[in-house]
Protein backbone atom coordinates (compact mmCIF):
# COMPACT_ATOMS: atom_id res chain seq x y z
CA MET A 1 5.30 19.26 5.01
CA MET A 2 3.60 16.02 3.25
CA ALA A 3 6.07 14.41 0.90
CA ARG A 4 4.45 14.03 -2.54
CA ALA A 5 4.27 11.15 -5.07
CA GLU A 6 3.60 12.56 -8.12
CA VAL A 7 3.46 9.87 -10.60
CA ILE A 8 1.63 9.55 -13.95
CA PRO A 9 1.35 6.12 -15.08
CA LYS A 10 0.72 4.84 -18.84
CA LEU A 11 -2.08 2.76 -17.90
CA ALA A 12 -2.43 1.93 -21.63
CA GLY A 13 0.72 0.18 -22.35
CA TRP A 14 0.48 -1.13 -19.24
CA HIS A 15 -2.27 -3.11 -20.07
CA GLY A 16 -0.53 -4.15 -23.39
CA GLN A 17 2.33 -5.57 -21.20
CA ALA A 18 -0.37 -7.60 -18.76
CA ALA A 19 -1.65 -9.52 -22.01
CA LEU A 20 1.61 -10.34 -22.67
CA HIS A 21 2.60 -11.56 -18.72
CA PRO A 22 0.03 -12.75 -17.67
CA PHE A 23 1.75 -13.05 -13.96
CA TYR A 24 2.53 -8.95 -13.92
CA VAL A 25 3.25 -7.72 -10.97
CA PRO A 26 1.58 -4.49 -8.99
CA VAL A 27 3.79 -1.65 -8.79
CA ASN A 28 3.82 0.16 -5.50
CA CYS A 29 5.25 4.03 -5.14
CA TYR A 30 6.40 5.87 -1.95
CA ALA A 31 7.94 8.98 -0.68
CA GLY A 32 7.99 10.60 2.69
CA ALA A 33 10.73 10.86 5.26
CA GLY A 34 10.04 10.09 9.11
CA LEU A 35 7.18 8.79 10.30
CA ARG A 36 5.18 10.47 7.42
CA TRP A 37 4.40 8.59 3.54
CA LYS A 38 2.39 8.97 0.46
CA THR A 39 2.01 5.91 -1.16
CA ARG A 40 0.23 4.95 -4.94
CA MET A 41 -0.12 1.47 -6.03
CA PHE A 42 -0.84 0.34 -9.51
CA TYR A 43 -1.85 -2.66 -10.68
CA PRO A 44 -3.50 -2.82 -14.08
CA ALA A 45 -3.35 -6.75 -14.94
CA ALA A 46 -5.51 -7.25 -11.81
CA GLY A 47 -7.93 -4.42 -12.47
CA VAL A 48 -7.08 -1.73 -10.21
CA PRO A 49 -5.63 1.04 -12.16
CA GLU A 50 -4.79 2.26 -8.88
CA ASP A 51 -5.92 1.29 -5.47
CA PRO A 52 -6.56 4.24 -2.77
CA ALA A 53 -6.03 2.58 0.37
CA THR A 54 -3.79 -0.71 0.33
CA GLY A 55 -3.45 -2.03 3.65
CA SER A 56 -1.48 -5.26 1.90
CA ALA A 57 1.60 -3.02 1.04
CA ALA A 58 1.65 -0.78 4.32
CA GLY A 59 3.12 -3.79 6.77
CA PRO A 60 5.50 -4.43 4.34
CA LEU A 61 6.70 -0.88 3.85
CA ALA A 62 6.52 -0.55 7.82
CA VAL A 63 9.14 -3.68 7.46
CA HIS A 64 11.25 -1.92 5.35
CA LEU A 65 11.77 1.49 6.74
CA ALA A 66 12.77 -0.75 9.96
CA ARG A 67 14.98 -3.19 8.54
CA HIS A 68 17.06 -0.44 6.73
CA SER A 69 17.05 1.37 9.99
CA ARG A 70 15.07 4.61 8.31
CA ILE A 71 12.22 4.06 11.59
CA GLY A 72 12.69 1.94 14.58
CA TYR A 73 10.93 -0.96 15.00
CA ARG A 74 7.54 -0.46 17.31
CA GLU A 75 7.25 3.25 15.31
CA GLN A 76 4.11 3.41 13.65
CA ILE A 77 4.02 5.66 10.55
CA GLU A 78 1.50 7.06 8.87
CA ILE A 79 0.40 6.22 5.15
CA ARG A 80 -1.59 9.07 3.00
CA GLN A 81 -2.56 7.50 -0.31
CA GLY A 82 -5.59 7.64 -2.83
CA HIS A 83 -6.08 11.60 -2.88
CA GLU A 84 -5.57 11.77 -6.53
CA LEU A 85 -8.64 9.28 -7.08
CA GLY A 86 -10.61 11.23 -5.03
CA ARG A 87 -10.98 8.73 -2.14
CA PRO A 88 -8.21 10.70 0.38
CA SER A 89 -7.41 6.92 3.43
CA VAL A 90 -5.13 7.49 6.03
CA LEU A 91 -3.41 4.19 6.58
CA TYR A 92 -0.91 3.24 10.03
CA ALA A 93 1.40 0.24 10.40
CA ARG A 94 3.94 -0.66 12.51
CA ALA A 95 6.24 -3.64 12.24
CA SER A 96 7.81 -4.92 15.94
CA GLY A 97 11.54 -7.33 15.86
CA ALA A 98 14.74 -6.79 16.07
CA GLY A 99 17.14 -6.92 12.82
CA ASP A 100 15.76 -8.75 10.36
CA ARG A 101 13.55 -10.81 12.66
CA ILE A 102 9.95 -9.33 12.49
CA ASP A 103 7.44 -10.74 15.18
CA THR A 104 4.47 -8.73 14.22
CA VAL A 105 2.96 -6.24 11.90
CA ASP A 106 0.06 -3.99 12.38
CA VAL A 107 -2.19 -2.14 9.83
CA GLY A 108 -5.02 -0.18 10.51
CA GLY A 109 -6.72 3.19 9.32
CA THR A 110 -9.32 5.09 7.62
CA ALA A 111 -10.32 4.59 4.03
CA VAL A 112 -13.78 5.74 1.89
CA VAL A 113 -15.99 2.75 1.92
CA VAL A 114 -17.33 2.14 -2.09
CA ALA A 115 -18.29 -1.69 -1.41
CA GLU A 116 -19.66 -3.81 1.44
CA GLY A 117 -20.54 -7.16 1.46
CA GLN A 118 -20.87 -10.72 3.10
CA TYR A 119 -19.04 -13.93 2.45
CA ARG A 120 -21.82 -16.76 3.56
CA ILE A 121 -19.93 -20.43 3.56
CA THR A 122 -22.37 -23.75 4.09
CA LEU A 123 -20.69 -26.97 4.83
CA ASP A 124 -22.78 -29.91 3.62
């Protein structure tokens, strides 16, 4: 059974706070057990009401779970996100290390592509 992360943010109030506090931080909510997790990430101050696939939060979640013995180091977790937005994603994350030492963090997965781009760097 997949964990449910039912969160109903009040984004209008959040936008008002962002104007008062320009360094307002994102909020990542997670629920789950074992190797299966559900997350939702909100960062309206940066123009992201809700992110459908937060790779930058997947790795830290794996580290947090391993450090607190919720999973073992080198165990891969599955993270589902974005369903509520109609853009479901599945991310995978694994932390390697021991105790408080982190050696590597791996993140991968699939998401719905909504844009693509390239950076071109020109050196003078």
